[in-house]
Amino acid sequence: MAYLNAQDIDAIARELNLSTSDFRKMAQNPGSPELLSKRLALAGFSENALASRHGDVLRDLQRVCGLCQTKIRCAADLERYKSVDPLKDCPNEHTLRALAREIGSAPRRFDD
């Protein structure tokens, strides 16, 4: 980002369908793609299937995850598998539950 001018940053943000401020926030907070991938896998979703069938929804999930302010807690929860429900306390919870209803599967649950 340090090597890009303001016009380039604006163009990249538009291409990703993000506001410039959201794009800057996401660029400053790494780790979101890995966290989302782990959460999707734990919940029983195929990221590739979501990309092919619901690409717009996956991009929204990525945006929400990228802007989430609780990445440290999320990473710790995912690492320890402490959550009985892999979607609980995730800002994408409602979207993921709606997807699960649409495709006819329930998110996986884990016992402590």
C-alpha atoms as a PDB file:
ATOM      1  CA  MET A   1       0.000   0.000   0.000  1.00  0.00           C
ATOM      2  CA  ALA A   2       2.894   2.334   0.715  1.00  0.00           C
ATOM      3  CA  TYR A   3       3.833   2.339  -2.966  1.00  0.00           C
ATOM      4  CA  LEU A   4       0.358   3.109  -4.275  1.00  0.00           C
ATOM      5  CA  ASN A   5      -1.009   6.567  -4.884  1.00  0.00           C
ATOM      6  CA  ALA A   6      -4.499   7.604  -3.798  1.00  0.00           C
ATOM      7  CA  GLN A   7      -5.978   7.038  -7.274  1.00  0.00           C
ATOM      8  CA  ASP A   8      -4.601   3.488  -7.414  1.00  0.00           C
ATOM      9  CA  ILE A   9      -6.000   2.723  -3.967  1.00  0.00           C
ATOM     10  CA  ASP A  10      -9.400   4.096  -4.985  1.00  0.00           C
ATOM     11  CA  ALA A  11      -9.348   2.017  -8.186  1.00  0.00           C
ATOM     12  CA  ILE A  12      -8.475  -1.197  -6.341  1.00  0.00           C
ATOM     13  CA  ALA A  13     -11.193  -0.536  -3.750  1.00  0.00           C
ATOM     14  CA  ARG A  14     -13.790   0.026  -6.496  1.00  0.00           C
ATOM     15  CA  GLU A  15     -12.667  -3.145  -8.272  1.00  0.00           C
ATOM     16  CA  LEU A  16     -13.189  -5.084  -5.038  1.00  0.00           C
ATOM     17  CA  ASN A  17     -16.538  -3.345  -4.474  1.00  0.00           C
ATOM     18  CA  LEU A  18     -15.290  -1.750  -1.251  1.00  0.00           C
ATOM     19  CA  SER A  19     -15.164   1.793  -0.033  1.00  0.00           C
ATOM     20  CA  THR A  20     -11.662   3.211   0.087  1.00  0.00           C
ATOM     21  CA  SER A  21     -11.790   3.412   3.888  1.00  0.00           C
ATOM     22  CA  ASP A  22     -12.911  -0.236   4.152  1.00  0.00           C
ATOM     23  CA  PHE A  23     -10.142  -1.295   1.773  1.00  0.00           C
ATOM     24  CA  ARG A  24      -7.544   0.543   3.847  1.00  0.00           C
ATOM     25  CA  LYS A  25      -8.838  -1.036   7.084  1.00  0.00           C
ATOM     26  CA  MET A  26      -8.735  -4.505   5.561  1.00  0.00           C
ATOM     27  CA  ALA A  27      -5.211  -3.988   4.251  1.00  0.00           C
ATOM     28  CA  GLN A  28      -4.043  -2.993   7.733  1.00  0.00           C
ATOM     29  CA  ASN A  29      -5.625  -6.049   9.410  1.00  0.00           C
ATOM     30  CA  PRO A  30      -4.151  -9.225   7.932  1.00  0.00           C
ATOM     31  CA  GLY A  31      -5.317 -12.711   8.782  1.00  0.00           C
ATOM     32  CA  SER A  32      -8.950 -12.470   7.715  1.00  0.00           C
ATOM     33  CA  PRO A  33      -8.792 -14.887   4.761  1.00  0.00           C
ATOM     34  CA  GLU A  34      -7.328 -17.646   6.895  1.00  0.00           C
ATOM     35  CA  LEU A  35      -9.801 -17.086   9.719  1.00  0.00           C
ATOM     36  CA  LEU A  36     -12.770 -17.127   7.374  1.00  0.00           C
ATOM     37  CA  SER A  37     -11.491 -20.261   5.627  1.00  0.00           C
ATOM     38  CA  LYS A  38     -11.113 -22.055   8.962  1.00  0.00           C
ATOM     39  CA  ARG A  39     -14.537 -20.976  10.182  1.00  0.00           C
ATOM     40  CA  LEU A  40     -16.169 -22.050   6.918  1.00  0.00           C
ATOM     41  CA  ALA A  41     -14.452 -25.447   7.065  1.00  0.00           C
ATOM     42  CA  LEU A  42     -15.408 -25.989  10.706  1.00  0.00           C
ATOM     43  CA  ALA A  43     -19.009 -25.131   9.875  1.00  0.00           C
ATOM     44  CA  GLY A  44     -18.988 -27.648   7.018  1.00  0.00           C
ATOM     45  CA  PHE A  45     -18.992 -25.213   4.105  1.00  0.00           C
ATOM     46  CA  SER A  46     -16.867 -25.634   0.988  1.00  0.00           C
ATOM     47  CA  GLU A  47     -15.259 -22.313   0.171  1.00  0.00           C
ATOM     48  CA  ASN A  48     -14.905 -23.368  -3.482  1.00  0.00           C
ATOM     49  CA  ALA A  49     -18.587 -24.295  -3.691  1.00  0.00           C
ATOM     50  CA  LEU A  50     -19.562 -20.955  -2.161  1.00  0.00           C
ATOM     51  CA  ALA A  51     -17.307 -19.146  -4.644  1.00  0.00           C
ATOM     52  CA  SER A  52     -18.907 -20.875  -7.618  1.00  0.00           C
ATOM     53  CA  ARG A  53     -22.536 -20.770  -6.459  1.00  0.00           C
ATOM     54  CA  HIS A  54     -22.667 -17.700  -4.239  1.00  0.00           C
ATOM     55  CA  GLY A  55     -19.655 -15.592  -5.219  1.00  0.00           C
ATOM     56  CA  ASP A  56     -21.357 -12.364  -4.196  1.00  0.00           C
ATOM     57  CA  VAL A  57     -22.190 -13.783  -0.770  1.00  0.00           C
ATOM     58  CA  LEU A  58     -18.629 -15.066  -0.294  1.00  0.00           C
ATOM     59  CA  ARG A  59     -17.264 -11.607  -1.142  1.00  0.00           C
ATOM     60  CA  ASP A  60     -19.612 -10.104   1.457  1.00  0.00           C
ATOM     61  CA  LEU A  61     -18.467 -12.685   4.032  1.00  0.00           C
ATOM     62  CA  GLN A  62     -14.864 -11.759   3.231  1.00  0.00           C
ATOM     63  CA  ARG A  63     -15.611  -8.040   3.619  1.00  0.00           C
ATOM     64  CA  VAL A  64     -17.347  -8.514   6.969  1.00  0.00           C
ATOM     65  CA  CYS A  65     -14.546 -10.759   8.230  1.00  0.00           C
ATOM     66  CA  GLY A  66     -11.919  -8.327   6.991  1.00  0.00           C
ATOM     67  CA  LEU A  67     -13.497  -5.481   8.932  1.00  0.00           C
ATOM     68  CA  CYS A  68     -14.153  -7.524  12.084  1.00  0.00           C
ATOM     69  CA  GLN A  69     -12.579  -6.101  15.226  1.00  0.00           C
ATOM     70  CA  THR A  70     -12.359  -9.403  17.117  1.00  0.00           C
ATOM     71  CA  LYS A  71      -9.781 -11.286  15.050  1.00  0.00           C
ATOM     72  CA  ILE A  72      -7.634 -12.169  18.059  1.00  0.00           C
ATOM     73  CA  ARG A  73     -10.564 -13.774  19.882  1.00  0.00           C
ATOM     74  CA  CYS A  74     -11.721 -15.454  16.689  1.00  0.00           C
ATOM     75  CA  ALA A  75      -8.291 -16.956  16.051  1.00  0.00           C
ATOM     76  CA  ALA A  76      -8.062 -18.191  19.639  1.00  0.00           C
ATOM     77  CA  ASP A  77     -11.547 -19.750  19.482  1.00  0.00           C
ATOM     78  CA  LEU A  78     -10.790 -21.469  16.193  1.00  0.00           C
ATOM     79  CA  GLU A  79      -7.426 -22.706  17.420  1.00  0.00           C
ATOM     80  CA  ARG A  80      -8.867 -24.248  20.579  1.00  0.00           C
ATOM     81  CA  TYR A  81     -12.161 -25.432  19.044  1.00  0.00           C
ATOM     82  CA  LYS A  82     -13.724 -24.115  22.252  1.00  0.00           C
ATOM     83  CA  SER A  83     -16.936 -23.080  20.610  1.00  0.00           C
ATOM     84  CA  VAL A  84     -19.688 -25.679  20.553  1.00  0.00           C
ATOM     85  CA  ASP A  85     -21.099 -23.774  17.583  1.00  0.00           C
ATOM     86  CA  PRO A  86     -18.481 -22.662  15.008  1.00  0.00           C
ATOM     87  CA  LEU A  87     -20.693 -19.759  13.911  1.00  0.00           C
ATOM     88  CA  LYS A  88     -21.439 -18.332  17.352  1.00  0.00           C
ATOM     89  CA  ASP A  89     -20.137 -14.822  17.999  1.00  0.00           C
ATOM     90  CA  CYS A  90     -19.130 -14.376  14.350  1.00  0.00           C
ATOM     91  CA  PRO A  91     -20.406 -11.244  12.574  1.00  0.00           C
ATOM     92  CA  ASN A  92     -21.128 -13.510   9.580  1.00  0.00           C
ATOM     93  CA  GLU A  93     -23.295 -15.853  11.673  1.00  0.00           C
ATOM     94  CA  HIS A  94     -26.667 -14.816  10.226  1.00  0.00           C
ATOM     95  CA  THR A  95     -25.471 -15.016   6.629  1.00  0.00           C
ATOM     96  CA  LEU A  96     -23.886 -18.426   7.170  1.00  0.00           C
ATOM     97  CA  ARG A  97     -27.001 -19.779   8.891  1.00  0.00           C
ATOM     98  CA  ALA A  98     -29.141 -18.505   5.994  1.00  0.00           C
ATOM     99  CA  LEU A  99     -26.813 -20.247   3.539  1.00  0.00           C
ATOM    100  CA  ALA A 100     -27.038 -23.452   5.550  1.00  0.00           C
ATOM    101  CA  ARG A 101     -30.843 -23.299   5.417  1.00  0.00           C
ATOM    102  CA  GLU A 102     -30.731 -22.650   1.668  1.00  0.00           C
ATOM    103  CA  ILE A 103     -28.466 -25.585   0.897  1.00  0.00           C
ATOM    104  CA  GLY A 104     -30.195 -27.807   3.419  1.00  0.00           C
ATOM    105  CA  SER A 105     -27.400 -28.474   5.850  1.00  0.00           C
ATOM    106  CA  ALA A 106     -26.822 -27.513   9.432  1.00  0.00           C
ATOM    107  CA  PRO A 107     -23.490 -26.111  10.582  1.00  0.00           C
ATOM    108  CA  ARG A 108     -21.383 -28.657  12.425  1.00  0.00           C
ATOM    109  CA  ARG A 109     -21.354 -28.602  16.192  1.00  0.00           C
ATOM    110  CA  PHE A 110     -18.500 -29.673  18.426  1.00  0.00           C
ATOM    111  CA  ASP A 111     -18.542 -30.976  21.961  1.00  0.00           C
ATOM    112  CA  ASP A 112     -16.003 -29.631  24.453  1.00  0.00           C
END
